[in-house]
Amino acid sequence: MRMVPCFAYTAFVIDAFAGTIVGWEVSTSKETAFVQRAVNQACRLRSVQGNPLRGSTIHHSDAGSQYTALRFGETLFLQGLRPSIGSVADAYDNALAETTIGLYKAECIADDSPFRKGPLRTVSDVEEATSAWVHWYNAGRLMHRLGRIPPVEYEAKYYAEHRADQPVAHK
C-alpha cells in the first residue's frame, strides 16, 4: 500500500512587534474554526504571559474566506481584537505573514528539513514538525531587524524595560 503525503493548511498568528509566532494551528481543511483556534491560542498565551491583548490590538489577515467569515469576526470581537483585511492579490499588504510562511515552507515543510522525522503523512506529523520549527523560530532564529537576537529574547528585553503598570501596545 502506498502512503500519500498529508496535505494540510497551517495558520499562524504573528505579533508584528518582534515577529513572534504566538499562535498556530494545522488543519486538513480551510474551515474558519482552525483559524479561530490559532487566534484563541495567541490570546491565551499573551494573557498567561501577563501581557493580554487589549482593545487596540489589530488582527491583520488576507482576504481568505476563513478570515472574512462572520464567525471569525465574532472571535476577534470576543477577544477584543480589531480586524484588518488586506487588499486582494497584494502580497506586499501582508508581507510579514507571506515572509514567515515562505520560511516555514522552506525550512520546515521541505523534504530535507531538520524539523521533520520522516515523511509528512498525517496531520500529527505536520504538527510535530511545526511545533519544533515554531519553537526554534521564536527562541533560536537570530533576526537581523531585532539586533540579531531571537524574537522572544527581544520581547523579554522590551517587557523588562517597561514597568508593569504601563499599558503595552501590541501590534
C-alpha atoms as a PDB file:
ATOM      1  CA  MET A   1       0.000   0.000   0.000  1.00  0.00           C
ATOM      2  CA  ARG A   2       1.366   3.426  -0.993  1.00  0.00           C
ATOM      3  CA  MET A   3       1.151   6.153   1.664  1.00  0.00           C
ATOM      4  CA  VAL A   4       0.111   9.542   0.297  1.00  0.00           C
ATOM      5  CA  PRO A   5       1.693  12.631   1.856  1.00  0.00           C
ATOM      6  CA  CYS A   6      -0.586  14.694   4.062  1.00  0.00           C
ATOM      7  CA  PHE A   7      -1.964  17.921   2.624  1.00  0.00           C
ATOM      8  CA  ALA A   8      -2.564  20.427   5.375  1.00  0.00           C
ATOM      9  CA  TYR A   9      -3.088  24.117   5.985  1.00  0.00           C
ATOM     10  CA  THR A  10      -1.232  25.954   8.715  1.00  0.00           C
ATOM     11  CA  ALA A  11      -2.460  29.232  10.213  1.00  0.00           C
ATOM     12  CA  PHE A  12      -0.038  31.455  12.095  1.00  0.00           C
ATOM     13  CA  VAL A  13      -0.763  34.382  14.410  1.00  0.00           C
ATOM     14  CA  ILE A  14       2.321  36.579  14.352  1.00  0.00           C
ATOM     15  CA  ASP A  15       2.924  39.508  16.684  1.00  0.00           C
ATOM     16  CA  ALA A  16       4.336  42.180  14.362  1.00  0.00           C
ATOM     17  CA  PHE A  17       6.360  43.844  17.146  1.00  0.00           C
ATOM     18  CA  ALA A  18       9.107  41.207  17.148  1.00  0.00           C
ATOM     19  CA  GLY A  19       7.730  38.718  14.636  1.00  0.00           C
ATOM     20  CA  THR A  20       6.998  36.153  17.331  1.00  0.00           C
ATOM     21  CA  ILE A  21       4.597  33.382  16.364  1.00  0.00           C
ATOM     22  CA  VAL A  22       2.143  33.451  19.262  1.00  0.00           C
ATOM     23  CA  GLY A  23      -0.466  31.052  17.874  1.00  0.00           C
ATOM     24  CA  TRP A  24      -0.670  28.413  15.191  1.00  0.00           C
ATOM     25  CA  GLU A  25      -2.926  25.596  14.074  1.00  0.00           C
ATOM     26  CA  VAL A  26      -2.802  22.844  11.440  1.00  0.00           C
ATOM     27  CA  SER A  27      -5.882  21.512   9.651  1.00  0.00           C
ATOM     28  CA  THR A  28      -6.736  19.430   6.604  1.00  0.00           C
ATOM     29  CA  SER A  29      -9.397  21.964   5.616  1.00  0.00           C
ATOM     30  CA  LYS A  30      -9.565  25.757   5.409  1.00  0.00           C
ATOM     31  CA  GLU A  31     -12.538  25.921   7.731  1.00  0.00           C
ATOM     32  CA  THR A  32     -12.960  29.007   9.862  1.00  0.00           C
ATOM     33  CA  ALA A  33     -12.658  27.055  13.126  1.00  0.00           C
ATOM     34  CA  PHE A  34      -8.996  26.288  12.588  1.00  0.00           C
ATOM     35  CA  VAL A  35      -8.003  29.960  12.285  1.00  0.00           C
ATOM     36  CA  GLN A  36     -10.231  30.754  15.261  1.00  0.00           C
ATOM     37  CA  ARG A  37      -8.270  28.219  17.311  1.00  0.00           C
ATOM     38  CA  ALA A  38      -4.977  29.876  16.312  1.00  0.00           C
ATOM     39  CA  VAL A  39      -6.251  33.302  17.410  1.00  0.00           C
ATOM     40  CA  ASN A  40      -7.638  31.944  20.680  1.00  0.00           C
ATOM     41  CA  GLN A  41      -4.309  30.217  21.339  1.00  0.00           C
ATOM     42  CA  ALA A  42      -2.453  33.518  20.793  1.00  0.00           C
ATOM     43  CA  CYS A  43      -4.799  35.391  23.129  1.00  0.00           C
ATOM     44  CA  ARG A  44      -4.409  32.746  25.853  1.00  0.00           C
ATOM     45  CA  LEU A  45      -0.622  32.809  25.522  1.00  0.00           C
ATOM     46  CA  ARG A  46      -0.409  36.585  25.845  1.00  0.00           C
ATOM     47  CA  SER A  47      -2.773  36.513  28.814  1.00  0.00           C
ATOM     48  CA  VAL A  48      -0.752  33.811  30.600  1.00  0.00           C
ATOM     49  CA  GLN A  49       2.420  35.793  29.917  1.00  0.00           C
ATOM     50  CA  GLY A  50       0.863  38.762  31.678  1.00  0.00           C
ATOM     51  CA  ASN A  51       0.579  40.805  28.501  1.00  0.00           C
ATOM     52  CA  PRO A  52      -3.057  40.386  27.474  1.00  0.00           C
ATOM     53  CA  LEU A  53      -4.074  41.719  24.102  1.00  0.00           C
ATOM     54  CA  ARG A  54      -6.044  44.900  24.561  1.00  0.00           C
ATOM     55  CA  GLY A  55      -8.820  46.528  22.548  1.00  0.00           C
ATOM     56  CA  SER A  56      -6.329  48.392  20.358  1.00  0.00           C
ATOM     57  CA  THR A  57      -4.697  45.206  19.074  1.00  0.00           C
ATOM     58  CA  ILE A  58      -5.206  44.719  15.353  1.00  0.00           C
ATOM     59  CA  HIS A  59      -5.521  41.307  13.720  1.00  0.00           C
ATOM     60  CA  HIS A  60      -4.418  41.660  10.092  1.00  0.00           C
ATOM     61  CA  SER A  61      -5.056  38.913   7.550  1.00  0.00           C
ATOM     62  CA  ASP A  62      -5.517  38.317   3.874  1.00  0.00           C
ATOM     63  CA  ALA A  63      -8.993  38.179   2.358  1.00  0.00           C
ATOM     64  CA  GLY A  64      -9.357  34.393   2.552  1.00  0.00           C
ATOM     65  CA  SER A  65     -12.849  33.081   3.214  1.00  0.00           C
ATOM     66  CA  GLN A  66     -11.899  31.769   6.657  1.00  0.00           C
ATOM     67  CA  TYR A  67     -10.863  35.303   7.697  1.00  0.00           C
ATOM     68  CA  THR A  68     -13.906  37.053   6.245  1.00  0.00           C
ATOM     69  CA  ALA A  69     -16.422  34.655   7.823  1.00  0.00           C
ATOM     70  CA  LEU A  70     -18.844  36.102  10.369  1.00  0.00           C
ATOM     71  CA  ARG A  71     -17.811  33.538  12.991  1.00  0.00           C
ATOM     72  CA  PHE A  72     -14.190  34.616  12.688  1.00  0.00           C
ATOM     73  CA  GLY A  73     -15.237  38.230  13.104  1.00  0.00           C
ATOM     74  CA  GLU A  74     -17.120  37.227  16.241  1.00  0.00           C
ATOM     75  CA  THR A  75     -13.993  35.539  17.587  1.00  0.00           C
ATOM     76  CA  LEU A  76     -11.966  38.701  17.045  1.00  0.00           C
ATOM     77  CA  PHE A  77     -14.671  40.805  18.708  1.00  0.00           C
ATOM     78  CA  LEU A  78     -14.919  38.484  21.727  1.00  0.00           C
ATOM     79  CA  GLN A  79     -11.129  38.533  22.135  1.00  0.00           C
ATOM     80  CA  GLY A  80     -11.061  42.331  21.929  1.00  0.00           C
ATOM     81  CA  LEU A  81      -9.191  42.391  18.622  1.00  0.00           C
ATOM     82  CA  ARG A  82      -9.818  44.783  15.742  1.00  0.00           C
ATOM     83  CA  PRO A  83      -9.944  43.200  12.272  1.00  0.00           C
ATOM     84  CA  SER A  84      -7.903  44.410   9.312  1.00  0.00           C
ATOM     85  CA  ILE A  85      -8.081  42.652   5.963  1.00  0.00           C
ATOM     86  CA  GLY A  86      -5.537  43.236   3.248  1.00  0.00           C
ATOM     87  CA  SER A  87      -6.360  44.022  -0.325  1.00  0.00           C
ATOM     88  CA  VAL A  88      -6.900  41.099  -2.691  1.00  0.00           C
ATOM     89  CA  ALA A  89      -3.878  39.819  -4.657  1.00  0.00           C
ATOM     90  CA  ASP A  90      -1.414  42.127  -2.888  1.00  0.00           C
ATOM     91  CA  ALA A  91       1.358  40.148  -1.183  1.00  0.00           C
ATOM     92  CA  TYR A  92       3.032  43.387  -0.018  1.00  0.00           C
ATOM     93  CA  ASP A  93      -0.025  44.176   2.090  1.00  0.00           C
ATOM     94  CA  ASN A  94       0.621  41.013   4.081  1.00  0.00           C
ATOM     95  CA  ALA A  95       4.419  40.895   3.803  1.00  0.00           C
ATOM     96  CA  LEU A  96       5.147  39.727   7.360  1.00  0.00           C
ATOM     97  CA  ALA A  97       2.852  36.711   7.041  1.00  0.00           C
ATOM     98  CA  GLU A  98       3.990  35.921   3.500  1.00  0.00           C
ATOM     99  CA  THR A  99       7.641  36.004   4.577  1.00  0.00           C
ATOM    100  CA  THR A 100       7.012  33.826   7.633  1.00  0.00           C
ATOM    101  CA  ILE A 101       5.030  31.289   5.606  1.00  0.00           C
ATOM    102  CA  GLY A 102       7.766  31.212   2.968  1.00  0.00           C
ATOM    103  CA  LEU A 103      10.356  30.466   5.637  1.00  0.00           C
ATOM    104  CA  TYR A 104       8.067  27.814   7.140  1.00  0.00           C
ATOM    105  CA  LYS A 105       7.691  26.030   3.806  1.00  0.00           C
ATOM    106  CA  ALA A 106      11.418  26.201   3.037  1.00  0.00           C
ATOM    107  CA  GLU A 107      12.698  25.317   6.498  1.00  0.00           C
ATOM    108  CA  CYS A 108      10.018  23.069   7.993  1.00  0.00           C
ATOM    109  CA  ILE A 109       7.900  21.502   5.276  1.00  0.00           C
ATOM    110  CA  ALA A 110      10.630  20.882   2.681  1.00  0.00           C
ATOM    111  CA  ASP A 111      11.733  17.261   2.296  1.00  0.00           C
ATOM    112  CA  ASP A 112      15.223  17.963   3.667  1.00  0.00           C
ATOM    113  CA  SER A 113      14.006  19.862   6.739  1.00  0.00           C
ATOM    114  CA  PRO A 114      15.810  19.085  10.009  1.00  0.00           C
ATOM    115  CA  PHE A 115      12.470  19.594  11.799  1.00  0.00           C
ATOM    116  CA  ARG A 116      10.921  16.555  10.117  1.00  0.00           C
ATOM    117  CA  LYS A 117      11.289  12.998  11.355  1.00  0.00           C
ATOM    118  CA  GLY A 118      10.348  11.458   8.016  1.00  0.00           C
ATOM    119  CA  PRO A 119       7.513  11.880   5.533  1.00  0.00           C
ATOM    120  CA  LEU A 120       4.591  14.099   6.498  1.00  0.00           C
ATOM    121  CA  ARG A 121       1.827  11.504   6.231  1.00  0.00           C
ATOM    122  CA  THR A 122      -0.563  12.723   8.915  1.00  0.00           C
ATOM    123  CA  VAL A 123      -1.651  15.971  10.499  1.00  0.00           C
ATOM    124  CA  SER A 124       0.248  14.829  13.595  1.00  0.00           C
ATOM    125  CA  ASP A 125       3.453  14.630  11.545  1.00  0.00           C
ATOM    126  CA  VAL A 126       2.905  18.202  10.316  1.00  0.00           C
ATOM    127  CA  GLU A 127       2.053  19.402  13.836  1.00  0.00           C
ATOM    128  CA  GLU A 128       5.169  17.796  15.311  1.00  0.00           C
ATOM    129  CA  ALA A 129       7.456  19.408  12.719  1.00  0.00           C
ATOM    130  CA  THR A 130       5.620  22.742  13.028  1.00  0.00           C
ATOM    131  CA  SER A 131       5.909  22.752  16.810  1.00  0.00           C
ATOM    132  CA  ALA A 132       9.670  22.193  16.647  1.00  0.00           C
ATOM    133  CA  TRP A 133      10.078  24.847  13.943  1.00  0.00           C
ATOM    134  CA  VAL A 134       7.960  27.454  15.764  1.00  0.00           C
ATOM    135  CA  HIS A 135       9.953  26.912  18.951  1.00  0.00           C
ATOM    136  CA  TRP A 136      13.210  27.399  17.045  1.00  0.00           C
ATOM    137  CA  TYR A 137      11.809  30.344  15.084  1.00  0.00           C
ATOM    138  CA  ASN A 138      10.762  32.139  18.283  1.00  0.00           C
ATOM    139  CA  ALA A 139      13.663  31.214  20.548  1.00  0.00           C
ATOM    140  CA  GLY A 140      16.589  30.385  18.275  1.00  0.00           C
ATOM    141  CA  ARG A 141      16.381  32.302  15.000  1.00  0.00           C
ATOM    142  CA  LEU A 142      18.561  35.391  15.012  1.00  0.00           C
ATOM    143  CA  MET A 143      16.591  38.252  13.496  1.00  0.00           C
ATOM    144  CA  HIS A 144      18.631  40.944  11.786  1.00  0.00           C
ATOM    145  CA  ARG A 145      15.964  43.623  12.331  1.00  0.00           C
ATOM    146  CA  LEU A 146      15.980  42.837  16.078  1.00  0.00           C
ATOM    147  CA  GLY A 147      19.725  43.276  16.511  1.00  0.00           C
ATOM    148  CA  ARG A 148      20.498  39.618  15.778  1.00  0.00           C
ATOM    149  CA  ILE A 149      18.580  38.198  18.711  1.00  0.00           C
ATOM    150  CA  PRO A 150      15.571  35.839  18.680  1.00  0.00           C
ATOM    151  CA  PRO A 151      12.038  37.276  18.857  1.00  0.00           C
ATOM    152  CA  VAL A 152      11.250  36.015  22.369  1.00  0.00           C
ATOM    153  CA  GLU A 153      14.502  37.462  23.693  1.00  0.00           C
ATOM    154  CA  TYR A 154      13.710  40.813  22.079  1.00  0.00           C
ATOM    155  CA  GLU A 155      10.239  40.797  23.633  1.00  0.00           C
ATOM    156  CA  ALA A 156      11.607  39.847  27.057  1.00  0.00           C
ATOM    157  CA  LYS A 157      14.063  42.740  26.882  1.00  0.00           C
ATOM    158  CA  TYR A 158      11.256  45.115  25.914  1.00  0.00           C
ATOM    159  CA  TYR A 159       8.963  43.999  28.744  1.00  0.00           C
ATOM    160  CA  ALA A 160      11.809  44.158  31.275  1.00  0.00           C
ATOM    161  CA  GLU A 161      12.403  47.794  30.305  1.00  0.00           C
ATOM    162  CA  HIS A 162       8.753  48.789  30.762  1.00  0.00           C
ATOM    163  CA  ARG A 163       7.048  48.938  34.102  1.00  0.00           C
ATOM    164  CA  ALA A 164       4.166  46.550  34.680  1.00  0.00           C
ATOM    165  CA  ASP A 165       1.741  49.410  35.401  1.00  0.00           C
ATOM    166  CA  GLN A 166       2.214  50.961  31.935  1.00  0.00           C
ATOM    167  CA  PRO A 167      -0.024  49.773  29.119  1.00  0.00           C
ATOM    168  CA  VAL A 168       1.711  47.735  26.443  1.00  0.00           C
ATOM    169  CA  ALA A 169       0.806  48.321  22.819  1.00  0.00           C
ATOM    170  CA  HIS A 170       0.535  45.122  20.794  1.00  0.00           C
ATOM    171  CA  LYS A 171       0.783  45.321  17.043  1.00  0.00           C
END
